[in-house]
Amino acid sequence: MQTSILLTESSNIRPIANDNNADINKVSKEAAAFNNLPANIQTALKQKKRIVFIANNPSISTEQLEELLRPDDVLVLFNDFIHADFFANHTLISTLPKLLFFRQIGDSKLHFGLPPRSNNVSVMKRMAKAAPLGLLLSNRSYQFPTPEDDPSPHDDPITAERILTIPPAIESLLQSERYHSVLSEHHPVVDDYPSFKDIHSSAPSSGFLLYRLLLAARAHLQDIQKAELPLQLLMLGFNDNDKTAHFWQGHNWEFERQEMSSPPPEVEVIRQY
């Protein structure tokens, strides 16, 4: 599924209710964003210079990534992410820290990109050995669901090659604060987001949610490191609605598109069609 952060007419919108817990309320929004990241990604961000968000856009080639990516990058990948073997095996790119975000499917036990849905868990063990790896799940930790827990199995038919259960090596990552964390779709970084009151589970798109989270996290880093400039952010392959094959009506694409049309300093958006 292509990750997008842009798009359509809005109606019946309301700000998401801020149901932050007491721990978040005790710190700044920026510190809360940084603290919500897996521990080894926090460490990696202190040592690197750029965060690269890579959408699941089929027009992004491995050749383009080879030319674009640098040794001082941290990568952000989404759900059933593209070019999995490339990210795990390439001489340079396999050594880059990676934050993998898995979006909860509605309010079910499932997350996109994890068993029993289509997934790349076979490469995650290699990724974890080669570089810092973070697994960030939306709303709830992994529940070890079965195919019977899938509320819409026809959306992602099972194939013979599909991994249906989490292997022990990945289970250990999901049980470690070094590798794993849970991000609420109602995090303070999106407390101004106008969701649609008439659409169940309406919330920011994955790309926009992670963009806001890491935008806030870099502000916290800039503050504690007394840096003159913040980390660079590069958004690759996040398209306009008229060029995108999939966009869910529960995301407020118009709001996201408007914000991303004028990115702040040290943020670059590369459209990829």
C-alpha atoms as a PDB file:
ATOM      1  CA  MET A   1       0.000   0.000   0.000  1.00  0.00           C
ATOM      2  CA  GLN A   2       1.479   3.325  -1.020  1.00  0.00           C
ATOM      3  CA  THR A   3       2.067   5.705   1.833  1.00  0.00           C
ATOM      4  CA  SER A   4       0.894   9.233   0.971  1.00  0.00           C
ATOM      5  CA  ILE A   5       0.603  12.489   2.843  1.00  0.00           C
ATOM      6  CA  LEU A   6      -1.516  14.648   0.648  1.00  0.00           C
ATOM      7  CA  LEU A   7      -4.949  15.445  -0.627  1.00  0.00           C
ATOM      8  CA  THR A   8      -8.894  15.812  -0.965  1.00  0.00           C
ATOM      9  CA  GLU A   9     -11.839  17.905   0.118  1.00  0.00           C
ATOM     10  CA  SER A  10     -12.660  17.828   3.808  1.00  0.00           C
ATOM     11  CA  SER A  11     -15.978  17.840   5.611  1.00  0.00           C
ATOM     12  CA  ASN A  12     -17.360  16.901   9.000  1.00  0.00           C
ATOM     13  CA  ILE A  13     -13.996  17.403  10.644  1.00  0.00           C
ATOM     14  CA  ARG A  14     -13.058  17.765  14.271  1.00  0.00           C
ATOM     15  CA  PRO A  15      -9.753  17.946  16.138  1.00  0.00           C
ATOM     16  CA  ILE A  16      -8.692  14.600  17.599  1.00  0.00           C
ATOM     17  CA  ALA A  17      -9.391  14.483  21.306  1.00  0.00           C
ATOM     18  CA  ASN A  18      -6.200  14.799  23.314  1.00  0.00           C
ATOM     19  CA  ASP A  19      -6.205  11.757  25.595  1.00  0.00           C
ATOM     20  CA  ASN A  20      -2.531  11.977  26.536  1.00  0.00           C
ATOM     21  CA  ASN A  21      -1.455  10.174  29.663  1.00  0.00           C
ATOM     22  CA  ALA A  22       0.036  11.885  32.688  1.00  0.00           C
ATOM     23  CA  ASP A  23       3.627  11.082  31.711  1.00  0.00           C
ATOM     24  CA  ILE A  24       3.299  12.962  28.414  1.00  0.00           C
ATOM     25  CA  ASN A  25       1.721  15.944  30.153  1.00  0.00           C
ATOM     26  CA  LYS A  26       4.767  16.274  32.426  1.00  0.00           C
ATOM     27  CA  VAL A  27       7.177  16.971  29.567  1.00  0.00           C
ATOM     28  CA  SER A  28       7.190  19.143  26.480  1.00  0.00           C
ATOM     29  CA  LYS A  29       5.614  17.937  23.257  1.00  0.00           C
ATOM     30  CA  GLU A  30       9.072  17.775  21.701  1.00  0.00           C
ATOM     31  CA  ALA A  31      10.555  15.704  24.527  1.00  0.00           C
ATOM     32  CA  ALA A  32       7.518  13.409  24.479  1.00  0.00           C
ATOM     33  CA  ALA A  33       8.077  12.813  20.761  1.00  0.00           C
ATOM     34  CA  PHE A  34      11.741  11.954  21.252  1.00  0.00           C
ATOM     35  CA  ASN A  35      11.018   9.727  24.243  1.00  0.00           C
ATOM     36  CA  ASN A  36       8.382   7.823  22.252  1.00  0.00           C
ATOM     37  CA  LEU A  37      11.038   6.445  19.907  1.00  0.00           C
ATOM     38  CA  PRO A  38      12.760   3.083  20.492  1.00  0.00           C
ATOM     39  CA  ALA A  39      15.933   3.584  22.527  1.00  0.00           C
ATOM     40  CA  ASN A  40      18.420   2.704  19.806  1.00  0.00           C
ATOM     41  CA  ILE A  41      16.748   5.113  17.374  1.00  0.00           C
ATOM     42  CA  GLN A  42      17.064   7.867  19.978  1.00  0.00           C
ATOM     43  CA  THR A  43      20.787   7.127  20.120  1.00  0.00           C
ATOM     44  CA  ALA A  44      21.098   7.024  16.332  1.00  0.00           C
ATOM     45  CA  LEU A  45      19.423  10.418  15.919  1.00  0.00           C
ATOM     46  CA  LYS A  46      22.007  11.951  18.249  1.00  0.00           C
ATOM     47  CA  GLN A  47      24.772  10.714  15.958  1.00  0.00           C
ATOM     48  CA  LYS A  48      23.332  11.294  12.466  1.00  0.00           C
ATOM     49  CA  LYS A  49      22.526  14.338  10.328  1.00  0.00           C
ATOM     50  CA  ARG A  50      19.467  13.440   8.250  1.00  0.00           C
ATOM     51  CA  ILE A  51      16.202  11.500   8.521  1.00  0.00           C
ATOM     52  CA  VAL A  52      14.905  10.051   5.244  1.00  0.00           C
ATOM     53  CA  PHE A  53      11.236   9.002   5.014  1.00  0.00           C
ATOM     54  CA  ILE A  54      10.678   6.518   2.165  1.00  0.00           C
ATOM     55  CA  ALA A  55       7.098   6.012   0.992  1.00  0.00           C
ATOM     56  CA  ASN A  56       5.879   2.735  -0.481  1.00  0.00           C
ATOM     57  CA  ASN A  57       5.943   4.254  -3.942  1.00  0.00           C
ATOM     58  CA  PRO A  58       6.721   1.794  -6.765  1.00  0.00           C
ATOM     59  CA  SER A  59       8.408   4.512  -8.805  1.00  0.00           C
ATOM     60  CA  ILE A  60      11.261   4.679  -6.266  1.00  0.00           C
ATOM     61  CA  SER A  61      14.103   2.550  -7.625  1.00  0.00           C
ATOM     62  CA  THR A  62      17.059   1.002  -5.830  1.00  0.00           C
ATOM     63  CA  GLU A  63      19.332   2.915  -8.202  1.00  0.00           C
ATOM     64  CA  GLN A  64      17.769   6.175  -7.043  1.00  0.00           C
ATOM     65  CA  LEU A  65      18.220   5.180  -3.418  1.00  0.00           C
ATOM     66  CA  GLU A  66      21.883   4.341  -4.001  1.00  0.00           C
ATOM     67  CA  GLU A  67      22.451   7.833  -5.380  1.00  0.00           C
ATOM     68  CA  LEU A  68      20.395   9.582  -2.711  1.00  0.00           C
ATOM     69  CA  LEU A  69      21.258   7.920   0.597  1.00  0.00           C
ATOM     70  CA  ARG A  70      24.297   8.876   2.671  1.00  0.00           C
ATOM     71  CA  PRO A  71      26.252   7.306   5.555  1.00  0.00           C
ATOM     72  CA  ASP A  72      24.808   9.855   8.021  1.00  0.00           C
ATOM     73  CA  ASP A  73      21.138   8.975   7.329  1.00  0.00           C
ATOM     74  CA  VAL A  74      18.452   7.397   9.500  1.00  0.00           C
ATOM     75  CA  LEU A  75      15.745   5.722   7.395  1.00  0.00           C
ATOM     76  CA  VAL A  76      12.008   5.592   8.112  1.00  0.00           C
ATOM     77  CA  LEU A  77      10.066   2.798   6.361  1.00  0.00           C
ATOM     78  CA  PHE A  78       6.367   2.002   6.504  1.00  0.00           C
ATOM     79  CA  ASN A  79       4.303  -1.173   6.956  1.00  0.00           C
ATOM     80  CA  ASP A  80       5.058  -3.754   4.231  1.00  0.00           C
ATOM     81  CA  PHE A  81       7.954  -1.622   3.031  1.00  0.00           C
ATOM     82  CA  ILE A  82       9.401  -1.702  -0.470  1.00  0.00           C
ATOM     83  CA  HIS A  83      12.854  -3.043  -1.462  1.00  0.00           C
ATOM     84  CA  ALA A  84      13.255  -5.049   1.748  1.00  0.00           C
ATOM     85  CA  ASP A  85      16.189  -7.181   0.574  1.00  0.00           C
ATOM     86  CA  PHE A  86      17.953  -4.097  -0.756  1.00  0.00           C
ATOM     87  CA  PHE A  87      17.697  -2.333   2.598  1.00  0.00           C
ATOM     88  CA  ALA A  88      18.916  -5.452   4.411  1.00  0.00           C
ATOM     89  CA  ASN A  89      21.764  -6.454   2.086  1.00  0.00           C
ATOM     90  CA  HIS A  90      23.243  -3.375   0.388  1.00  0.00           C
ATOM     91  CA  THR A  91      26.840  -2.735   1.495  1.00  0.00           C
ATOM     92  CA  LEU A  92      26.196   0.822   2.713  1.00  0.00           C
ATOM     93  CA  ILE A  93      22.442   1.038   3.169  1.00  0.00           C
ATOM     94  CA  SER A  94      22.257  -2.095   5.325  1.00  0.00           C
ATOM     95  CA  THR A  95      24.416  -0.224   7.881  1.00  0.00           C
ATOM     96  CA  LEU A  96      22.040   2.739   8.197  1.00  0.00           C
ATOM     97  CA  PRO A  97      19.747   2.885  11.261  1.00  0.00           C
ATOM     98  CA  LYS A  98      16.140   2.111  10.359  1.00  0.00           C
ATOM     99  CA  LEU A  99      12.837   2.949  12.019  1.00  0.00           C
ATOM    100  CA  LEU A 100      10.042   0.637  10.813  1.00  0.00           C
ATOM    101  CA  PHE A 101       6.507   1.889  11.436  1.00  0.00           C
ATOM    102  CA  PHE A 102       3.566  -0.547  11.471  1.00  0.00           C
ATOM    103  CA  ARG A 103       0.080   0.947  11.414  1.00  0.00           C
ATOM    104  CA  GLN A 104      -2.781  -0.670  13.330  1.00  0.00           C
ATOM    105  CA  ILE A 105      -5.618  -1.848  11.082  1.00  0.00           C
ATOM    106  CA  GLY A 106      -8.623   0.016  12.471  1.00  0.00           C
ATOM    107  CA  ASP A 107      -9.035  -1.083  16.072  1.00  0.00           C
ATOM    108  CA  SER A 108      -8.246  -4.754  15.348  1.00  0.00           C
ATOM    109  CA  LYS A 109      -5.392  -6.890  16.701  1.00  0.00           C
ATOM    110  CA  LEU A 110      -3.560  -6.519  13.394  1.00  0.00           C
ATOM    111  CA  HIS A 111      -0.944  -4.118  12.080  1.00  0.00           C
ATOM    112  CA  PHE A 112      -0.143  -3.574   8.412  1.00  0.00           C
ATOM    113  CA  GLY A 113       3.198  -5.182   7.569  1.00  0.00           C
ATOM    114  CA  LEU A 114       3.194  -7.769  10.371  1.00  0.00           C
ATOM    115  CA  PRO A 115       1.881 -11.359  10.398  1.00  0.00           C
ATOM    116  CA  PRO A 116      -0.588 -12.603   9.406  1.00  0.00           C
ATOM    117  CA  ARG A 117      -0.704  -9.727   6.866  1.00  0.00           C
ATOM    118  CA  SER A 118       1.896  -9.372   4.091  1.00  0.00           C
ATOM    119  CA  ASN A 119       5.213  -8.687   5.748  1.00  0.00           C
ATOM    120  CA  ASN A 120       8.999  -8.485   5.549  1.00  0.00           C
ATOM    121  CA  VAL A 121       9.811 -10.075   8.896  1.00  0.00           C
ATOM    122  CA  SER A 122      12.282 -12.437   7.208  1.00  0.00           C
ATOM    123  CA  VAL A 123      14.687  -9.519   6.693  1.00  0.00           C
ATOM    124  CA  MET A 124      14.221  -7.792  10.055  1.00  0.00           C
ATOM    125  CA  LYS A 125      16.634 -10.133  11.821  1.00  0.00           C
ATOM    126  CA  ARG A 126      19.314  -9.261   9.259  1.00  0.00           C
ATOM    127  CA  MET A 127      18.516  -5.576   9.658  1.00  0.00           C
ATOM    128  CA  ALA A 128      18.873  -5.762  13.437  1.00  0.00           C
ATOM    129  CA  LYS A 129      22.310  -7.398  13.126  1.00  0.00           C
ATOM    130  CA  ALA A 130      23.599  -4.870  10.592  1.00  0.00           C
ATOM    131  CA  ALA A 131      22.463  -1.567  12.159  1.00  0.00           C
ATOM    132  CA  PRO A 132      20.274  -0.015  14.876  1.00  0.00           C
ATOM    133  CA  LEU A 133      16.665  -1.033  14.246  1.00  0.00           C
ATOM    134  CA  GLY A 134      13.473   0.368  15.730  1.00  0.00           C
ATOM    135  CA  LEU A 135      10.002  -1.166  15.503  1.00  0.00           C
ATOM    136  CA  LEU A 136       7.298   1.433  16.134  1.00  0.00           C
ATOM    137  CA  LEU A 137       3.692   0.184  16.243  1.00  0.00           C
ATOM    138  CA  SER A 138       0.657   2.436  16.289  1.00  0.00           C
ATOM    139  CA  ASN A 139      -1.736   2.410  19.258  1.00  0.00           C
ATOM    140  CA  ARG A 140      -0.964  -1.033  20.718  1.00  0.00           C
ATOM    141  CA  SER A 141       1.861  -3.519  20.963  1.00  0.00           C
ATOM    142  CA  TYR A 142       1.843  -6.642  18.813  1.00  0.00           C
ATOM    143  CA  GLN A 143      -0.930  -9.051  19.846  1.00  0.00           C
ATOM    144  CA  PHE A 144       0.298 -12.170  17.978  1.00  0.00           C
ATOM    145  CA  PRO A 145      -2.886 -12.361  15.904  1.00  0.00           C
ATOM    146  CA  THR A 146      -3.899 -15.300  13.715  1.00  0.00           C
ATOM    147  CA  PRO A 147      -5.509 -15.169  10.260  1.00  0.00           C
ATOM    148  CA  GLU A 148      -8.853 -15.647  12.013  1.00  0.00           C
ATOM    149  CA  ASP A 149      -8.335 -12.287  13.727  1.00  0.00           C
ATOM    150  CA  ASP A 150      -8.205 -10.463  10.405  1.00  0.00           C
ATOM    151  CA  PRO A 151     -11.353  -8.311  10.035  1.00  0.00           C
ATOM    152  CA  SER A 152     -10.923  -8.053   6.247  1.00  0.00           C
ATOM    153  CA  PRO A 153      -8.901 -11.039   4.994  1.00  0.00           C
ATOM    154  CA  HIS A 154      -9.904 -10.479   1.381  1.00  0.00           C
ATOM    155  CA  ASP A 155      -7.945  -7.213   1.370  1.00  0.00           C
ATOM    156  CA  ASP A 156      -4.702  -9.174   1.628  1.00  0.00           C
ATOM    157  CA  PRO A 157      -5.152 -12.795   0.478  1.00  0.00           C
ATOM    158  CA  ILE A 158      -2.759 -15.324   2.000  1.00  0.00           C
ATOM    159  CA  THR A 159      -0.120 -16.854  -0.284  1.00  0.00           C
ATOM    160  CA  ALA A 160       2.094 -19.900   0.183  1.00  0.00           C
ATOM    161  CA  GLU A 161       5.092 -17.634   0.827  1.00  0.00           C
ATOM    162  CA  ARG A 162       3.411 -15.551   3.541  1.00  0.00           C
ATOM    163  CA  ILE A 163       4.898 -15.724   7.043  1.00  0.00           C
ATOM    164  CA  LEU A 164       1.848 -16.108   9.291  1.00  0.00           C
ATOM    165  CA  THR A 165       3.454 -15.953  12.731  1.00  0.00           C
ATOM    166  CA  ILE A 166       6.253 -13.930  14.289  1.00  0.00           C
ATOM    167  CA  PRO A 167       9.511 -15.958  14.504  1.00  0.00           C
ATOM    168  CA  PRO A 168      11.299 -16.071  17.888  1.00  0.00           C
ATOM    169  CA  ALA A 169      14.092 -13.705  16.796  1.00  0.00           C
ATOM    170  CA  ILE A 170      11.582 -10.969  15.947  1.00  0.00           C
ATOM    171  CA  GLU A 171       9.498 -11.701  19.024  1.00  0.00           C
ATOM    172  CA  SER A 172      12.520 -10.851  21.150  1.00  0.00           C
ATOM    173  CA  LEU A 173      12.827  -7.493  19.392  1.00  0.00           C
ATOM    174  CA  LEU A 174       9.163  -6.723  20.083  1.00  0.00           C
ATOM    175  CA  GLN A 175       9.726  -7.415  23.776  1.00  0.00           C
ATOM    176  CA  SER A 176      12.688  -5.051  24.104  1.00  0.00           C
ATOM    177  CA  GLU A 177      12.476  -1.301  24.777  1.00  0.00           C
ATOM    178  CA  ARG A 178      15.718  -0.962  22.860  1.00  0.00           C
ATOM    179  CA  TYR A 179      13.952  -1.997  19.653  1.00  0.00           C
ATOM    180  CA  HIS A 180      10.231  -1.501  20.211  1.00  0.00           C
ATOM    181  CA  SER A 181       7.810   1.249  21.142  1.00  0.00           C
ATOM    182  CA  VAL A 182       4.133   2.109  20.656  1.00  0.00           C
ATOM    183  CA  LEU A 183       2.950   5.416  19.196  1.00  0.00           C
ATOM    184  CA  SER A 184      -0.568   6.682  19.783  1.00  0.00           C
ATOM    185  CA  GLU A 185      -2.346   8.158  16.781  1.00  0.00           C
ATOM    186  CA  HIS A 186      -3.509  10.787  19.305  1.00  0.00           C
ATOM    187  CA  HIS A 187       0.010  11.823  20.335  1.00  0.00           C
ATOM    188  CA  PRO A 188       0.361  15.531  21.211  1.00  0.00           C
ATOM    189  CA  VAL A 189       2.303  16.145  17.974  1.00  0.00           C
ATOM    190  CA  VAL A 190      -0.994  15.802  16.089  1.00  0.00           C
ATOM    191  CA  ASP A 191      -3.349  17.323  18.647  1.00  0.00           C
ATOM    192  CA  ASP A 192      -4.419  19.934  16.078  1.00  0.00           C
ATOM    193  CA  TYR A 193      -5.265  17.355  13.417  1.00  0.00           C
ATOM    194  CA  PRO A 194      -8.836  17.687  12.095  1.00  0.00           C
ATOM    195  CA  SER A 195     -10.130  14.123  11.912  1.00  0.00           C
ATOM    196  CA  PHE A 196     -13.508  13.200  10.414  1.00  0.00           C
ATOM    197  CA  LYS A 197     -16.161  12.586  13.038  1.00  0.00           C
ATOM    198  CA  ASP A 198     -18.248  10.394  10.732  1.00  0.00           C
ATOM    199  CA  ILE A 199     -15.406   7.995   9.795  1.00  0.00           C
ATOM    200  CA  HIS A 200     -14.342   5.313  12.253  1.00  0.00           C
ATOM    201  CA  SER A 201     -10.597   5.411  13.092  1.00  0.00           C
ATOM    202  CA  SER A 202     -10.099   8.698  11.237  1.00  0.00           C
ATOM    203  CA  ALA A 203      -6.580   9.888  12.037  1.00  0.00           C
ATOM    204  CA  PRO A 204      -3.414  11.234  10.380  1.00  0.00           C
ATOM    205  CA  SER A 205      -1.804   9.220   7.604  1.00  0.00           C
ATOM    206  CA  SER A 206       1.246   7.183   8.597  1.00  0.00           C
ATOM    207  CA  GLY A 207       3.584   9.495   6.716  1.00  0.00           C
ATOM    208  CA  PHE A 208       2.167  12.636   8.310  1.00  0.00           C
ATOM    209  CA  LEU A 209       2.078  11.120  11.815  1.00  0.00           C
ATOM    210  CA  LEU A 210       5.752  10.114  11.629  1.00  0.00           C
ATOM    211  CA  TYR A 211       6.664  13.424  10.018  1.00  0.00           C
ATOM    212  CA  ARG A 212       5.130  15.369  12.905  1.00  0.00           C
ATOM    213  CA  LEU A 213       6.681  13.005  15.474  1.00  0.00           C
ATOM    214  CA  LEU A 214      10.209  13.329  14.098  1.00  0.00           C
ATOM    215  CA  LEU A 215       9.837  17.033  13.411  1.00  0.00           C
ATOM    216  CA  ALA A 216       9.153  17.460  17.133  1.00  0.00           C
ATOM    217  CA  ALA A 217      11.882  14.976  18.117  1.00  0.00           C
ATOM    218  CA  ARG A 218      14.487  16.890  16.116  1.00  0.00           C
ATOM    219  CA  ALA A 219      13.477  20.124  17.866  1.00  0.00           C
ATOM    220  CA  HIS A 220      14.149  18.403  21.200  1.00  0.00           C
ATOM    221  CA  LEU A 221      17.530  17.186  19.929  1.00  0.00           C
ATOM    222  CA  GLN A 222      18.456  20.639  18.679  1.00  0.00           C
ATOM    223  CA  ASP A 223      17.628  22.044  22.103  1.00  0.00           C
ATOM    224  CA  ILE A 224      19.579  19.523  24.175  1.00  0.00           C
ATOM    225  CA  GLN A 225      22.541  19.488  21.771  1.00  0.00           C
ATOM    226  CA  LYS A 226      22.580  23.297  21.383  1.00  0.00           C
ATOM    227  CA  ALA A 227      22.868  22.810  17.621  1.00  0.00           C
ATOM    228  CA  GLU A 228      22.729  25.763  15.251  1.00  0.00           C
ATOM    229  CA  LEU A 229      20.600  23.849  12.728  1.00  0.00           C
ATOM    230  CA  PRO A 230      18.162  20.970  13.242  1.00  0.00           C
ATOM    231  CA  LEU A 231      18.507  17.555  11.643  1.00  0.00           C
ATOM    232  CA  GLN A 232      17.573  17.543   7.981  1.00  0.00           C
ATOM    233  CA  LEU A 233      14.348  15.767   7.003  1.00  0.00           C
ATOM    234  CA  LEU A 234      13.860  14.338   3.522  1.00  0.00           C
ATOM    235  CA  MET A 235      10.452  13.053   2.396  1.00  0.00           C
ATOM    236  CA  LEU A 236      10.745  10.779  -0.648  1.00  0.00           C
ATOM    237  CA  GLY A 237       7.804   9.612  -2.758  1.00  0.00           C
ATOM    238  CA  PHE A 238       4.864  11.188  -0.907  1.00  0.00           C
ATOM    239  CA  ASN A 239       2.501  12.180  -3.709  1.00  0.00           C
ATOM    240  CA  ASP A 240      -0.437  14.415  -4.546  1.00  0.00           C
ATOM    241  CA  ASN A 241      -3.852  12.746  -4.494  1.00  0.00           C
ATOM    242  CA  ASP A 242      -4.303  12.886  -8.266  1.00  0.00           C
ATOM    243  CA  LYS A 243      -1.115  10.865  -8.790  1.00  0.00           C
ATOM    244  CA  THR A 244      -1.658   8.290  -6.046  1.00  0.00           C
ATOM    245  CA  ALA A 245      -3.347   4.928  -6.510  1.00  0.00           C
ATOM    246  CA  HIS A 246      -4.574   4.677  -2.916  1.00  0.00           C
ATOM    247  CA  PHE A 247      -5.733   7.205  -0.380  1.00  0.00           C
ATOM    248  CA  TRP A 248      -8.069   6.408   2.502  1.00  0.00           C
ATOM    249  CA  GLN A 249     -10.903   8.858   3.082  1.00  0.00           C
ATOM    250  CA  GLY A 250     -10.322   8.766   6.860  1.00  0.00           C
ATOM    251  CA  HIS A 251      -7.139  10.812   6.541  1.00  0.00           C
ATOM    252  CA  ASN A 252      -7.554  14.556   6.157  1.00  0.00           C
ATOM    253  CA  TRP A 253      -5.440  14.844   3.037  1.00  0.00           C
ATOM    254  CA  GLU A 254      -6.339  18.488   2.423  1.00  0.00           C
ATOM    255  CA  PHE A 255      -4.916  19.449   5.825  1.00  0.00           C
ATOM    256  CA  GLU A 256      -1.781  17.389   5.256  1.00  0.00           C
ATOM    257  CA  ARG A 257      -1.277  18.686   1.726  1.00  0.00           C
ATOM    258  CA  GLN A 258      -1.579  22.284   2.854  1.00  0.00           C
ATOM    259  CA  GLU A 259       1.040  21.841   5.587  1.00  0.00           C
ATOM    260  CA  MET A 260       3.492  19.988   3.360  1.00  0.00           C
ATOM    261  CA  SER A 261       3.219  22.591   0.611  1.00  0.00           C
ATOM    262  CA  SER A 262       5.383  24.939   2.712  1.00  0.00           C
ATOM    263  CA  PRO A 263       7.822  22.790   4.687  1.00  0.00           C
ATOM    264  CA  PRO A 264       9.929  24.388   7.440  1.00  0.00           C
ATOM    265  CA  PRO A 265      13.702  24.947   7.143  1.00  0.00           C
ATOM    266  CA  GLU A 266      15.843  21.842   6.660  1.00  0.00           C
ATOM    267  CA  VAL A 267      12.878  19.833   5.329  1.00  0.00           C
ATOM    268  CA  GLU A 268      12.885  18.690   1.685  1.00  0.00           C
ATOM    269  CA  VAL A 269       9.997  16.974  -0.105  1.00  0.00           C
ATOM    270  CA  ILE A 270      10.767  14.987  -3.272  1.00  0.00           C
ATOM    271  CA  ARG A 271       7.598  14.134  -5.173  1.00  0.00           C
ATOM    272  CA  GLN A 272       7.883  10.810  -6.963  1.00  0.00           C
ATOM    273  CA  TYR A 273       5.274   9.714  -9.498  1.00  0.00           C
END
